[in-house]
PDBML (XML) file of the C-alpha atoms, coordinates in Angstrom:
<?xml version="1.0" encoding="UTF-8" ?>
<PDBx:datablock datablockName="MODEL"
   xmlns:PDBx="http://pdbml.pdb.org/schema/pdbx-v50.xsd"
   xmlns:xsi="http://www.w3.org/2001/XMLSchema-instance"
   xsi:schemaLocation="http://pdbml.pdb.org/schema/pdbx-v50.xsd pdbx-v50.xsd">
   <PDBx:atom_siteCategory>
      <PDBx:atom_site id="1">
         <PDBx:B_iso_or_equiv>0.00</PDBx:B_iso_or_equiv>
         <PDBx:Cartn_x>-41.658</PDBx:Cartn_x>
         <PDBx:Cartn_y>4.013</PDBx:Cartn_y>
         <PDBx:Cartn_z>110.506</PDBx:Cartn_z>
         <PDBx:auth_asym_id>A</PDBx:auth_asym_id>
         <PDBx:auth_atom_id>CA</PDBx:auth_atom_id>
         <PDBx:auth_comp_id>UNK</PDBx:auth_comp_id>
         <PDBx:auth_seq_id>1</PDBx:auth_seq_id>
         <PDBx:group_PDB>ATOM</PDBx:group_PDB>
         <PDBx:label_alt_id xsi:nil="true" />
         <PDBx:label_asym_id>A</PDBx:label_asym_id>
         <PDBx:label_atom_id>CA</PDBx:label_atom_id>
         <PDBx:label_comp_id>UNK</PDBx:label_comp_id>
         <PDBx:label_entity_id>1</PDBx:label_entity_id>
         <PDBx:label_seq_id>1</PDBx:label_seq_id>
         <PDBx:occupancy>1.00</PDBx:occupancy>
         <PDBx:pdbx_PDB_model_num>1</PDBx:pdbx_PDB_model_num>
         <PDBx:type_symbol>C</PDBx:type_symbol>
      </PDBx:atom_site>
      <PDBx:atom_site id="2">
         <PDBx:B_iso_or_equiv>0.00</PDBx:B_iso_or_equiv>
         <PDBx:Cartn_x>-39.114</PDBx:Cartn_x>
         <PDBx:Cartn_y>5.902</PDBx:Cartn_y>
         <PDBx:Cartn_z>108.434</PDBx:Cartn_z>
         <PDBx:auth_asym_id>A</PDBx:auth_asym_id>
         <PDBx:auth_atom_id>CA</PDBx:auth_atom_id>
         <PDBx:auth_comp_id>UNK</PDBx:auth_comp_id>
         <PDBx:auth_seq_id>2</PDBx:auth_seq_id>
         <PDBx:group_PDB>ATOM</PDBx:group_PDB>
         <PDBx:label_alt_id xsi:nil="true" />
         <PDBx:label_asym_id>A</PDBx:label_asym_id>
         <PDBx:label_atom_id>CA</PDBx:label_atom_id>
         <PDBx:label_comp_id>UNK</PDBx:label_comp_id>
         <PDBx:label_entity_id>1</PDBx:label_entity_id>
         <PDBx:label_seq_id>2</PDBx:label_seq_id>
         <PDBx:occupancy>1.00</PDBx:occupancy>
         <PDBx:pdbx_PDB_model_num>1</PDBx:pdbx_PDB_model_num>
         <PDBx:type_symbol>C</PDBx:type_symbol>
      </PDBx:atom_site>
      <PDBx:atom_site id="3">
         <PDBx:B_iso_or_equiv>0.00</PDBx:B_iso_or_equiv>
         <PDBx:Cartn_x>-37.867</PDBx:Cartn_x>
         <PDBx:Cartn_y>2.216</PDBx:Cartn_y>
         <PDBx:Cartn_z>107.158</PDBx:Cartn_z>
         <PDBx:auth_asym_id>A</PDBx:auth_asym_id>
         <PDBx:auth_atom_id>CA</PDBx:auth_atom_id>
         <PDBx:auth_comp_id>UNK</PDBx:auth_comp_id>
         <PDBx:auth_seq_id>3</PDBx:auth_seq_id>
         <PDBx:group_PDB>ATOM</PDBx:group_PDB>
         <PDBx:label_alt_id xsi:nil="true" />
         <PDBx:label_asym_id>A</PDBx:label_asym_id>
         <PDBx:label_atom_id>CA</PDBx:label_atom_id>
         <PDBx:label_comp_id>UNK</PDBx:label_comp_id>
         <PDBx:label_entity_id>1</PDBx:label_entity_id>
         <PDBx:label_seq_id>3</PDBx:label_seq_id>
         <PDBx:occupancy>1.00</PDBx:occupancy>
         <PDBx:pdbx_PDB_model_num>1</PDBx:pdbx_PDB_model_num>
         <PDBx:type_symbol>C</PDBx:type_symbol>
      </PDBx:atom_site>
      <PDBx:atom_site id="4">
         <PDBx:B_iso_or_equiv>0.00</PDBx:B_iso_or_equiv>
         <PDBx:Cartn_x>-41.454</PDBx:Cartn_x>
         <PDBx:Cartn_y>0.995</PDBx:Cartn_y>
         <PDBx:Cartn_z>106.332</PDBx:Cartn_z>
         <PDBx:auth_asym_id>A</PDBx:auth_asym_id>
         <PDBx:auth_atom_id>CA</PDBx:auth_atom_id>
         <PDBx:auth_comp_id>UNK</PDBx:auth_comp_id>
         <PDBx:auth_seq_id>4</PDBx:auth_seq_id>
         <PDBx:group_PDB>ATOM</PDBx:group_PDB>
         <PDBx:label_alt_id xsi:nil="true" />
         <PDBx:label_asym_id>A</PDBx:label_asym_id>
         <PDBx:label_atom_id>CA</PDBx:label_atom_id>
         <PDBx:label_comp_id>UNK</PDBx:label_comp_id>
         <PDBx:label_entity_id>1</PDBx:label_entity_id>
         <PDBx:label_seq_id>4</PDBx:label_seq_id>
         <PDBx:occupancy>1.00</PDBx:occupancy>
         <PDBx:pdbx_PDB_model_num>1</PDBx:pdbx_PDB_model_num>
         <PDBx:type_symbol>C</PDBx:type_symbol>
      </PDBx:atom_site>
      <PDBx:atom_site id="5">
         <PDBx:B_iso_or_equiv>0.00</PDBx:B_iso_or_equiv>
         <PDBx:Cartn_x>-42.403</PDBx:Cartn_x>
         <PDBx:Cartn_y>4.268</PDBx:Cartn_y>
         <PDBx:Cartn_z>104.249</PDBx:Cartn_z>
         <PDBx:auth_asym_id>A</PDBx:auth_asym_id>
         <PDBx:auth_atom_id>CA</PDBx:auth_atom_id>
         <PDBx:auth_comp_id>UNK</PDBx:auth_comp_id>
         <PDBx:auth_seq_id>5</PDBx:auth_seq_id>
         <PDBx:group_PDB>ATOM</PDBx:group_PDB>
         <PDBx:label_alt_id xsi:nil="true" />
         <PDBx:label_asym_id>A</PDBx:label_asym_id>
         <PDBx:label_atom_id>CA</PDBx:label_atom_id>
         <PDBx:label_comp_id>UNK</PDBx:label_comp_id>
         <PDBx:label_entity_id>1</PDBx:label_entity_id>
         <PDBx:label_seq_id>5</PDBx:label_seq_id>
         <PDBx:occupancy>1.00</PDBx:occupancy>
         <PDBx:pdbx_PDB_model_num>1</PDBx:pdbx_PDB_model_num>
         <PDBx:type_symbol>C</PDBx:type_symbol>
      </PDBx:atom_site>
      <PDBx:atom_site id="6">
         <PDBx:B_iso_or_equiv>0.00</PDBx:B_iso_or_equiv>
         <PDBx:Cartn_x>-39.003</PDBx:Cartn_x>
         <PDBx:Cartn_y>4.260</PDBx:Cartn_y>
         <PDBx:Cartn_z>102.466</PDBx:Cartn_z>
         <PDBx:auth_asym_id>A</PDBx:auth_asym_id>
         <PDBx:auth_atom_id>CA</PDBx:auth_atom_id>
         <PDBx:auth_comp_id>UNK</PDBx:auth_comp_id>
         <PDBx:auth_seq_id>6</PDBx:auth_seq_id>
         <PDBx:group_PDB>ATOM</PDBx:group_PDB>
         <PDBx:label_alt_id xsi:nil="true" />
         <PDBx:label_asym_id>A</PDBx:label_asym_id>
         <PDBx:label_atom_id>CA</PDBx:label_atom_id>
         <PDBx:label_comp_id>UNK</PDBx:label_comp_id>
         <PDBx:label_entity_id>1</PDBx:label_entity_id>
         <PDBx:label_seq_id>6</PDBx:label_seq_id>
         <PDBx:occupancy>1.00</PDBx:occupancy>
         <PDBx:pdbx_PDB_model_num>1</PDBx:pdbx_PDB_model_num>
         <PDBx:type_symbol>C</PDBx:type_symbol>
      </PDBx:atom_site>
      <PDBx:atom_site id="7">
         <PDBx:B_iso_or_equiv>0.00</PDBx:B_iso_or_equiv>
         <PDBx:Cartn_x>-39.132</PDBx:Cartn_x>
         <PDBx:Cartn_y>0.509</PDBx:Cartn_y>
         <PDBx:Cartn_z>101.650</PDBx:Cartn_z>
         <PDBx:auth_asym_id>A</PDBx:auth_asym_id>
         <PDBx:auth_atom_id>CA</PDBx:auth_atom_id>
         <PDBx:auth_comp_id>UNK</PDBx:auth_comp_id>
         <PDBx:auth_seq_id>7</PDBx:auth_seq_id>
         <PDBx:group_PDB>ATOM</PDBx:group_PDB>
         <PDBx:label_alt_id xsi:nil="true" />
         <PDBx:label_asym_id>A</PDBx:label_asym_id>
         <PDBx:label_atom_id>CA</PDBx:label_atom_id>
         <PDBx:label_comp_id>UNK</PDBx:label_comp_id>
         <PDBx:label_entity_id>1</PDBx:label_entity_id>
         <PDBx:label_seq_id>7</PDBx:label_seq_id>
         <PDBx:occupancy>1.00</PDBx:occupancy>
         <PDBx:pdbx_PDB_model_num>1</PDBx:pdbx_PDB_model_num>
         <PDBx:type_symbol>C</PDBx:type_symbol>
      </PDBx:atom_site>
      <PDBx:atom_site id="8">
         <PDBx:B_iso_or_equiv>0.00</PDBx:B_iso_or_equiv>
         <PDBx:Cartn_x>-42.443</PDBx:Cartn_x>
         <PDBx:Cartn_y>1.183</PDBx:Cartn_y>
         <PDBx:Cartn_z>100.025</PDBx:Cartn_z>
         <PDBx:auth_asym_id>A</PDBx:auth_asym_id>
         <PDBx:auth_atom_id>CA</PDBx:auth_atom_id>
         <PDBx:auth_comp_id>UNK</PDBx:auth_comp_id>
         <PDBx:auth_seq_id>8</PDBx:auth_seq_id>
         <PDBx:group_PDB>ATOM</PDBx:group_PDB>
         <PDBx:label_alt_id xsi:nil="true" />
         <PDBx:label_asym_id>A</PDBx:label_asym_id>
         <PDBx:label_atom_id>CA</PDBx:label_atom_id>
         <PDBx:label_comp_id>UNK</PDBx:label_comp_id>
         <PDBx:label_entity_id>1</PDBx:label_entity_id>
         <PDBx:label_seq_id>8</PDBx:label_seq_id>
         <PDBx:occupancy>1.00</PDBx:occupancy>
         <PDBx:pdbx_PDB_model_num>1</PDBx:pdbx_PDB_model_num>
         <PDBx:type_symbol>C</PDBx:type_symbol>
      </PDBx:atom_site>
      <PDBx:atom_site id="9">
         <PDBx:B_iso_or_equiv>0.00</PDBx:B_iso_or_equiv>
         <PDBx:Cartn_x>-41.453</PDBx:Cartn_x>
         <PDBx:Cartn_y>4.234</PDBx:Cartn_y>
         <PDBx:Cartn_z>98.332</PDBx:Cartn_z>
         <PDBx:auth_asym_id>A</PDBx:auth_asym_id>
         <PDBx:auth_atom_id>CA</PDBx:auth_atom_id>
         <PDBx:auth_comp_id>UNK</PDBx:auth_comp_id>
         <PDBx:auth_seq_id>9</PDBx:auth_seq_id>
         <PDBx:group_PDB>ATOM</PDBx:group_PDB>
         <PDBx:label_alt_id xsi:nil="true" />
         <PDBx:label_asym_id>A</PDBx:label_asym_id>
         <PDBx:label_atom_id>CA</PDBx:label_atom_id>
         <PDBx:label_comp_id>UNK</PDBx:label_comp_id>
         <PDBx:label_entity_id>1</PDBx:label_entity_id>
         <PDBx:label_seq_id>9</PDBx:label_seq_id>
         <PDBx:occupancy>1.00</PDBx:occupancy>
         <PDBx:pdbx_PDB_model_num>1</PDBx:pdbx_PDB_model_num>
         <PDBx:type_symbol>C</PDBx:type_symbol>
      </PDBx:atom_site>
      <PDBx:atom_site id="10">
         <PDBx:B_iso_or_equiv>0.00</PDBx:B_iso_or_equiv>
         <PDBx:Cartn_x>-38.572</PDBx:Cartn_x>
         <PDBx:Cartn_y>2.152</PDBx:Cartn_y>
         <PDBx:Cartn_z>96.799</PDBx:Cartn_z>
         <PDBx:auth_asym_id>A</PDBx:auth_asym_id>
         <PDBx:auth_atom_id>CA</PDBx:auth_atom_id>
         <PDBx:auth_comp_id>UNK</PDBx:auth_comp_id>
         <PDBx:auth_seq_id>10</PDBx:auth_seq_id>
         <PDBx:group_PDB>ATOM</PDBx:group_PDB>
         <PDBx:label_alt_id xsi:nil="true" />
         <PDBx:label_asym_id>A</PDBx:label_asym_id>
         <PDBx:label_atom_id>CA</PDBx:label_atom_id>
         <PDBx:label_comp_id>UNK</PDBx:label_comp_id>
         <PDBx:label_entity_id>1</PDBx:label_entity_id>
         <PDBx:label_seq_id>10</PDBx:label_seq_id>
         <PDBx:occupancy>1.00</PDBx:occupancy>
         <PDBx:pdbx_PDB_model_num>1</PDBx:pdbx_PDB_model_num>
         <PDBx:type_symbol>C</PDBx:type_symbol>
      </PDBx:atom_site>
      <PDBx:atom_site id="11">
         <PDBx:B_iso_or_equiv>0.00</PDBx:B_iso_or_equiv>
         <PDBx:Cartn_x>-40.458</PDBx:Cartn_x>
         <PDBx:Cartn_y>-0.734</PDBx:Cartn_y>
         <PDBx:Cartn_z>95.938</PDBx:Cartn_z>
         <PDBx:auth_asym_id>A</PDBx:auth_asym_id>
         <PDBx:auth_atom_id>CA</PDBx:auth_atom_id>
         <PDBx:auth_comp_id>UNK</PDBx:auth_comp_id>
         <PDBx:auth_seq_id>11</PDBx:auth_seq_id>
         <PDBx:group_PDB>ATOM</PDBx:group_PDB>
         <PDBx:label_alt_id xsi:nil="true" />
         <PDBx:label_asym_id>A</PDBx:label_asym_id>
         <PDBx:label_atom_id>CA</PDBx:label_atom_id>
         <PDBx:label_comp_id>UNK</PDBx:label_comp_id>
         <PDBx:label_entity_id>1</PDBx:label_entity_id>
         <PDBx:label_seq_id>11</PDBx:label_seq_id>
         <PDBx:occupancy>1.00</PDBx:occupancy>
         <PDBx:pdbx_PDB_model_num>1</PDBx:pdbx_PDB_model_num>
         <PDBx:type_symbol>C</PDBx:type_symbol>
      </PDBx:atom_site>
      <PDBx:atom_site id="12">
         <PDBx:B_iso_or_equiv>0.00</PDBx:B_iso_or_equiv>
         <PDBx:Cartn_x>-43.526</PDBx:Cartn_x>
         <PDBx:Cartn_y>0.948</PDBx:Cartn_y>
         <PDBx:Cartn_z>94.553</PDBx:Cartn_z>
         <PDBx:auth_asym_id>A</PDBx:auth_asym_id>
         <PDBx:auth_atom_id>CA</PDBx:auth_atom_id>
         <PDBx:auth_comp_id>UNK</PDBx:auth_comp_id>
         <PDBx:auth_seq_id>12</PDBx:auth_seq_id>
         <PDBx:group_PDB>ATOM</PDBx:group_PDB>
         <PDBx:label_alt_id xsi:nil="true" />
         <PDBx:label_asym_id>A</PDBx:label_asym_id>
         <PDBx:label_atom_id>CA</PDBx:label_atom_id>
         <PDBx:label_comp_id>UNK</PDBx:label_comp_id>
         <PDBx:label_entity_id>1</PDBx:label_entity_id>
         <PDBx:label_seq_id>12</PDBx:label_seq_id>
         <PDBx:occupancy>1.00</PDBx:occupancy>
         <PDBx:pdbx_PDB_model_num>1</PDBx:pdbx_PDB_model_num>
         <PDBx:type_symbol>C</PDBx:type_symbol>
      </PDBx:atom_site>
      <PDBx:atom_site id="13">
         <PDBx:B_iso_or_equiv>0.00</PDBx:B_iso_or_equiv>
         <PDBx:Cartn_x>-45.517</PDBx:Cartn_x>
         <PDBx:Cartn_y>-0.575</PDBx:Cartn_y>
         <PDBx:Cartn_z>97.531</PDBx:Cartn_z>
         <PDBx:auth_asym_id>A</PDBx:auth_asym_id>
         <PDBx:auth_atom_id>CA</PDBx:auth_atom_id>
         <PDBx:auth_comp_id>UNK</PDBx:auth_comp_id>
         <PDBx:auth_seq_id>13</PDBx:auth_seq_id>
         <PDBx:group_PDB>ATOM</PDBx:group_PDB>
         <PDBx:label_alt_id xsi:nil="true" />
         <PDBx:label_asym_id>A</PDBx:label_asym_id>
         <PDBx:label_atom_id>CA</PDBx:label_atom_id>
         <PDBx:label_comp_id>UNK</PDBx:label_comp_id>
         <PDBx:label_entity_id>1</PDBx:label_entity_id>
         <PDBx:label_seq_id>13</PDBx:label_seq_id>
         <PDBx:occupancy>1.00</PDBx:occupancy>
         <PDBx:pdbx_PDB_model_num>1</PDBx:pdbx_PDB_model_num>
         <PDBx:type_symbol>C</PDBx:type_symbol>
      </PDBx:atom_site>
      <PDBx:atom_site id="14">
         <PDBx:B_iso_or_equiv>0.00</PDBx:B_iso_or_equiv>
         <PDBx:Cartn_x>-44.438</PDBx:Cartn_x>
         <PDBx:Cartn_y>-4.175</PDBx:Cartn_y>
         <PDBx:Cartn_z>96.732</PDBx:Cartn_z>
         <PDBx:auth_asym_id>A</PDBx:auth_asym_id>
         <PDBx:auth_atom_id>CA</PDBx:auth_atom_id>
         <PDBx:auth_comp_id>UNK</PDBx:auth_comp_id>
         <PDBx:auth_seq_id>14</PDBx:auth_seq_id>
         <PDBx:group_PDB>ATOM</PDBx:group_PDB>
         <PDBx:label_alt_id xsi:nil="true" />
         <PDBx:label_asym_id>A</PDBx:label_asym_id>
         <PDBx:label_atom_id>CA</PDBx:label_atom_id>
         <PDBx:label_comp_id>UNK</PDBx:label_comp_id>
         <PDBx:label_entity_id>1</PDBx:label_entity_id>
         <PDBx:label_seq_id>14</PDBx:label_seq_id>
         <PDBx:occupancy>1.00</PDBx:occupancy>
         <PDBx:pdbx_PDB_model_num>1</PDBx:pdbx_PDB_model_num>
         <PDBx:type_symbol>C</PDBx:type_symbol>
      </PDBx:atom_site>
      <PDBx:atom_site id="15">
         <PDBx:B_iso_or_equiv>0.00</PDBx:B_iso_or_equiv>
         <PDBx:Cartn_x>-42.564</PDBx:Cartn_x>
         <PDBx:Cartn_y>-4.548</PDBx:Cartn_y>
         <PDBx:Cartn_z>99.791</PDBx:Cartn_z>
         <PDBx:auth_asym_id>A</PDBx:auth_asym_id>
         <PDBx:auth_atom_id>CA</PDBx:auth_atom_id>
         <PDBx:auth_comp_id>UNK</PDBx:auth_comp_id>
         <PDBx:auth_seq_id>15</PDBx:auth_seq_id>
         <PDBx:group_PDB>ATOM</PDBx:group_PDB>
         <PDBx:label_alt_id xsi:nil="true" />
         <PDBx:label_asym_id>A</PDBx:label_asym_id>
         <PDBx:label_atom_id>CA</PDBx:label_atom_id>
         <PDBx:label_comp_id>UNK</PDBx:label_comp_id>
         <PDBx:label_entity_id>1</PDBx:label_entity_id>
         <PDBx:label_seq_id>15</PDBx:label_seq_id>
         <PDBx:occupancy>1.00</PDBx:occupancy>
         <PDBx:pdbx_PDB_model_num>1</PDBx:pdbx_PDB_model_num>
         <PDBx:type_symbol>C</PDBx:type_symbol>
      </PDBx:atom_site>
      <PDBx:atom_site id="16">
         <PDBx:B_iso_or_equiv>0.00</PDBx:B_iso_or_equiv>
         <PDBx:Cartn_x>-42.619</PDBx:Cartn_x>
         <PDBx:Cartn_y>-3.399</PDBx:Cartn_y>
         <PDBx:Cartn_z>103.209</PDBx:Cartn_z>
         <PDBx:auth_asym_id>A</PDBx:auth_asym_id>
         <PDBx:auth_atom_id>CA</PDBx:auth_atom_id>
         <PDBx:auth_comp_id>UNK</PDBx:auth_comp_id>
         <PDBx:auth_seq_id>16</PDBx:auth_seq_id>
         <PDBx:group_PDB>ATOM</PDBx:group_PDB>
         <PDBx:label_alt_id xsi:nil="true" />
         <PDBx:label_asym_id>A</PDBx:label_asym_id>
         <PDBx:label_atom_id>CA</PDBx:label_atom_id>
         <PDBx:label_comp_id>UNK</PDBx:label_comp_id>
         <PDBx:label_entity_id>1</PDBx:label_entity_id>
         <PDBx:label_seq_id>16</PDBx:label_seq_id>
         <PDBx:occupancy>1.00</PDBx:occupancy>
         <PDBx:pdbx_PDB_model_num>1</PDBx:pdbx_PDB_model_num>
         <PDBx:type_symbol>C</PDBx:type_symbol>
      </PDBx:atom_site>
      <PDBx:atom_site id="17">
         <PDBx:B_iso_or_equiv>0.00</PDBx:B_iso_or_equiv>
         <PDBx:Cartn_x>-41.360</PDBx:Cartn_x>
         <PDBx:Cartn_y>-3.741</PDBx:Cartn_y>
         <PDBx:Cartn_z>106.797</PDBx:Cartn_z>
         <PDBx:auth_asym_id>A</PDBx:auth_asym_id>
         <PDBx:auth_atom_id>CA</PDBx:auth_atom_id>
         <PDBx:auth_comp_id>UNK</PDBx:auth_comp_id>
         <PDBx:auth_seq_id>17</PDBx:auth_seq_id>
         <PDBx:group_PDB>ATOM</PDBx:group_PDB>
         <PDBx:label_alt_id xsi:nil="true" />
         <PDBx:label_asym_id>A</PDBx:label_asym_id>
         <PDBx:label_atom_id>CA</PDBx:label_atom_id>
         <PDBx:label_comp_id>UNK</PDBx:label_comp_id>
         <PDBx:label_entity_id>1</PDBx:label_entity_id>
         <PDBx:label_seq_id>17</PDBx:label_seq_id>
         <PDBx:occupancy>1.00</PDBx:occupancy>
         <PDBx:pdbx_PDB_model_num>1</PDBx:pdbx_PDB_model_num>
         <PDBx:type_symbol>C</PDBx:type_symbol>
      </PDBx:atom_site>
      <PDBx:atom_site id="18">
         <PDBx:B_iso_or_equiv>0.00</PDBx:B_iso_or_equiv>
         <PDBx:Cartn_x>-43.190</PDBx:Cartn_x>
         <PDBx:Cartn_y>-7.066</PDBx:Cartn_y>
         <PDBx:Cartn_z>106.991</PDBx:Cartn_z>
         <PDBx:auth_asym_id>A</PDBx:auth_asym_id>
         <PDBx:auth_atom_id>CA</PDBx:auth_atom_id>
         <PDBx:auth_comp_id>UNK</PDBx:auth_comp_id>
         <PDBx:auth_seq_id>18</PDBx:auth_seq_id>
         <PDBx:group_PDB>ATOM</PDBx:group_PDB>
         <PDBx:label_alt_id xsi:nil="true" />
         <PDBx:label_asym_id>A</PDBx:label_asym_id>
         <PDBx:label_atom_id>CA</PDBx:label_atom_id>
         <PDBx:label_comp_id>UNK</PDBx:label_comp_id>
         <PDBx:label_entity_id>1</PDBx:label_entity_id>
         <PDBx:label_seq_id>18</PDBx:label_seq_id>
         <PDBx:occupancy>1.00</PDBx:occupancy>
         <PDBx:pdbx_PDB_model_num>1</PDBx:pdbx_PDB_model_num>
         <PDBx:type_symbol>C</PDBx:type_symbol>
      </PDBx:atom_site>
      <PDBx:atom_site id="19">
         <PDBx:B_iso_or_equiv>0.00</PDBx:B_iso_or_equiv>
         <PDBx:Cartn_x>-40.963</PDBx:Cartn_x>
         <PDBx:Cartn_y>-8.589</PDBx:Cartn_y>
         <PDBx:Cartn_z>104.154</PDBx:Cartn_z>
         <PDBx:auth_asym_id>A</PDBx:auth_asym_id>
         <PDBx:auth_atom_id>CA</PDBx:auth_atom_id>
         <PDBx:auth_comp_id>UNK</PDBx:auth_comp_id>
         <PDBx:auth_seq_id>19</PDBx:auth_seq_id>
         <PDBx:group_PDB>ATOM</PDBx:group_PDB>
         <PDBx:label_alt_id xsi:nil="true" />
         <PDBx:label_asym_id>A</PDBx:label_asym_id>
         <PDBx:label_atom_id>CA</PDBx:label_atom_id>
         <PDBx:label_comp_id>UNK</PDBx:label_comp_id>
         <PDBx:label_entity_id>1</PDBx:label_entity_id>
         <PDBx:label_seq_id>19</PDBx:label_seq_id>
         <PDBx:occupancy>1.00</PDBx:occupancy>
         <PDBx:pdbx_PDB_model_num>1</PDBx:pdbx_PDB_model_num>
         <PDBx:type_symbol>C</PDBx:type_symbol>
      </PDBx:atom_site>
      <PDBx:atom_site id="20">
         <PDBx:B_iso_or_equiv>0.00</PDBx:B_iso_or_equiv>
         <PDBx:Cartn_x>-37.698</PDBx:Cartn_x>
         <PDBx:Cartn_y>-7.233</PDBx:Cartn_y>
         <PDBx:Cartn_z>105.634</PDBx:Cartn_z>
         <PDBx:auth_asym_id>A</PDBx:auth_asym_id>
         <PDBx:auth_atom_id>CA</PDBx:auth_atom_id>
         <PDBx:auth_comp_id>UNK</PDBx:auth_comp_id>
         <PDBx:auth_seq_id>20</PDBx:auth_seq_id>
         <PDBx:group_PDB>ATOM</PDBx:group_PDB>
         <PDBx:label_alt_id xsi:nil="true" />
         <PDBx:label_asym_id>A</PDBx:label_asym_id>
         <PDBx:label_atom_id>CA</PDBx:label_atom_id>
         <PDBx:label_comp_id>UNK</PDBx:label_comp_id>
         <PDBx:label_entity_id>1</PDBx:label_entity_id>
         <PDBx:label_seq_id>20</PDBx:label_seq_id>
         <PDBx:occupancy>1.00</PDBx:occupancy>
         <PDBx:pdbx_PDB_model_num>1</PDBx:pdbx_PDB_model_num>
         <PDBx:type_symbol>C</PDBx:type_symbol>
      </PDBx:atom_site>
      <PDBx:atom_site id="21">
         <PDBx:B_iso_or_equiv>0.00</PDBx:B_iso_or_equiv>
         <PDBx:Cartn_x>-38.611</PDBx:Cartn_x>
         <PDBx:Cartn_y>-8.670</PDBx:Cartn_y>
         <PDBx:Cartn_z>109.460</PDBx:Cartn_z>
         <PDBx:auth_asym_id>A</PDBx:auth_asym_id>
         <PDBx:auth_atom_id>CA</PDBx:auth_atom_id>
         <PDBx:auth_comp_id>UNK</PDBx:auth_comp_id>
         <PDBx:auth_seq_id>21</PDBx:auth_seq_id>
         <PDBx:group_PDB>ATOM</PDBx:group_PDB>
         <PDBx:label_alt_id xsi:nil="true" />
         <PDBx:label_asym_id>A</PDBx:label_asym_id>
         <PDBx:label_atom_id>CA</PDBx:label_atom_id>
         <PDBx:label_comp_id>UNK</PDBx:label_comp_id>
         <PDBx:label_entity_id>1</PDBx:label_entity_id>
         <PDBx:label_seq_id>21</PDBx:label_seq_id>
         <PDBx:occupancy>1.00</PDBx:occupancy>
         <PDBx:pdbx_PDB_model_num>1</PDBx:pdbx_PDB_model_num>
         <PDBx:type_symbol>C</PDBx:type_symbol>
      </PDBx:atom_site>
      <PDBx:atom_site id="22">
         <PDBx:B_iso_or_equiv>0.00</PDBx:B_iso_or_equiv>
         <PDBx:Cartn_x>-39.218</PDBx:Cartn_x>
         <PDBx:Cartn_y>-12.141</PDBx:Cartn_y>
         <PDBx:Cartn_z>107.567</PDBx:Cartn_z>
         <PDBx:auth_asym_id>A</PDBx:auth_asym_id>
         <PDBx:auth_atom_id>CA</PDBx:auth_atom_id>
         <PDBx:auth_comp_id>UNK</PDBx:auth_comp_id>
         <PDBx:auth_seq_id>22</PDBx:auth_seq_id>
         <PDBx:group_PDB>ATOM</PDBx:group_PDB>
         <PDBx:label_alt_id xsi:nil="true" />
         <PDBx:label_asym_id>A</PDBx:label_asym_id>
         <PDBx:label_atom_id>CA</PDBx:label_atom_id>
         <PDBx:label_comp_id>UNK</PDBx:label_comp_id>
         <PDBx:label_entity_id>1</PDBx:label_entity_id>
         <PDBx:label_seq_id>22</PDBx:label_seq_id>
         <PDBx:occupancy>1.00</PDBx:occupancy>
         <PDBx:pdbx_PDB_model_num>1</PDBx:pdbx_PDB_model_num>
         <PDBx:type_symbol>C</PDBx:type_symbol>
      </PDBx:atom_site>
      <PDBx:atom_site id="23">
         <PDBx:B_iso_or_equiv>0.00</PDBx:B_iso_or_equiv>
         <PDBx:Cartn_x>-36.117</PDBx:Cartn_x>
         <PDBx:Cartn_y>-11.882</PDBx:Cartn_y>
         <PDBx:Cartn_z>105.802</PDBx:Cartn_z>
         <PDBx:auth_asym_id>A</PDBx:auth_asym_id>
         <PDBx:auth_atom_id>CA</PDBx:auth_atom_id>
         <PDBx:auth_comp_id>UNK</PDBx:auth_comp_id>
         <PDBx:auth_seq_id>23</PDBx:auth_seq_id>
         <PDBx:group_PDB>ATOM</PDBx:group_PDB>
         <PDBx:label_alt_id xsi:nil="true" />
         <PDBx:label_asym_id>A</PDBx:label_asym_id>
         <PDBx:label_atom_id>CA</PDBx:label_atom_id>
         <PDBx:label_comp_id>UNK</PDBx:label_comp_id>
         <PDBx:label_entity_id>1</PDBx:label_entity_id>
         <PDBx:label_seq_id>23</PDBx:label_seq_id>
         <PDBx:occupancy>1.00</PDBx:occupancy>
         <PDBx:pdbx_PDB_model_num>1</PDBx:pdbx_PDB_model_num>
         <PDBx:type_symbol>C</PDBx:type_symbol>
      </PDBx:atom_site>
      <PDBx:atom_site id="24">
         <PDBx:B_iso_or_equiv>0.00</PDBx:B_iso_or_equiv>
         <PDBx:Cartn_x>-34.144</PDBx:Cartn_x>
         <PDBx:Cartn_y>-11.337</PDBx:Cartn_y>
         <PDBx:Cartn_z>109.165</PDBx:Cartn_z>
         <PDBx:auth_asym_id>A</PDBx:auth_asym_id>
         <PDBx:auth_atom_id>CA</PDBx:auth_atom_id>
         <PDBx:auth_comp_id>UNK</PDBx:auth_comp_id>
         <PDBx:auth_seq_id>24</PDBx:auth_seq_id>
         <PDBx:group_PDB>ATOM</PDBx:group_PDB>
         <PDBx:label_alt_id xsi:nil="true" />
         <PDBx:label_asym_id>A</PDBx:label_asym_id>
         <PDBx:label_atom_id>CA</PDBx:label_atom_id>
         <PDBx:label_comp_id>UNK</PDBx:label_comp_id>
         <PDBx:label_entity_id>1</PDBx:label_entity_id>
         <PDBx:label_seq_id>24</PDBx:label_seq_id>
         <PDBx:occupancy>1.00</PDBx:occupancy>
         <PDBx:pdbx_PDB_model_num>1</PDBx:pdbx_PDB_model_num>
         <PDBx:type_symbol>C</PDBx:type_symbol>
      </PDBx:atom_site>
   </PDBx:atom_siteCategory>
</PDBx:datablock>
């Protein structure tokens, strides 16, 4: 949940955990 929130904060909600998991 911290990863999700922080990715969204750093990308202005343009990316999130979904993109991270797809990349993995």
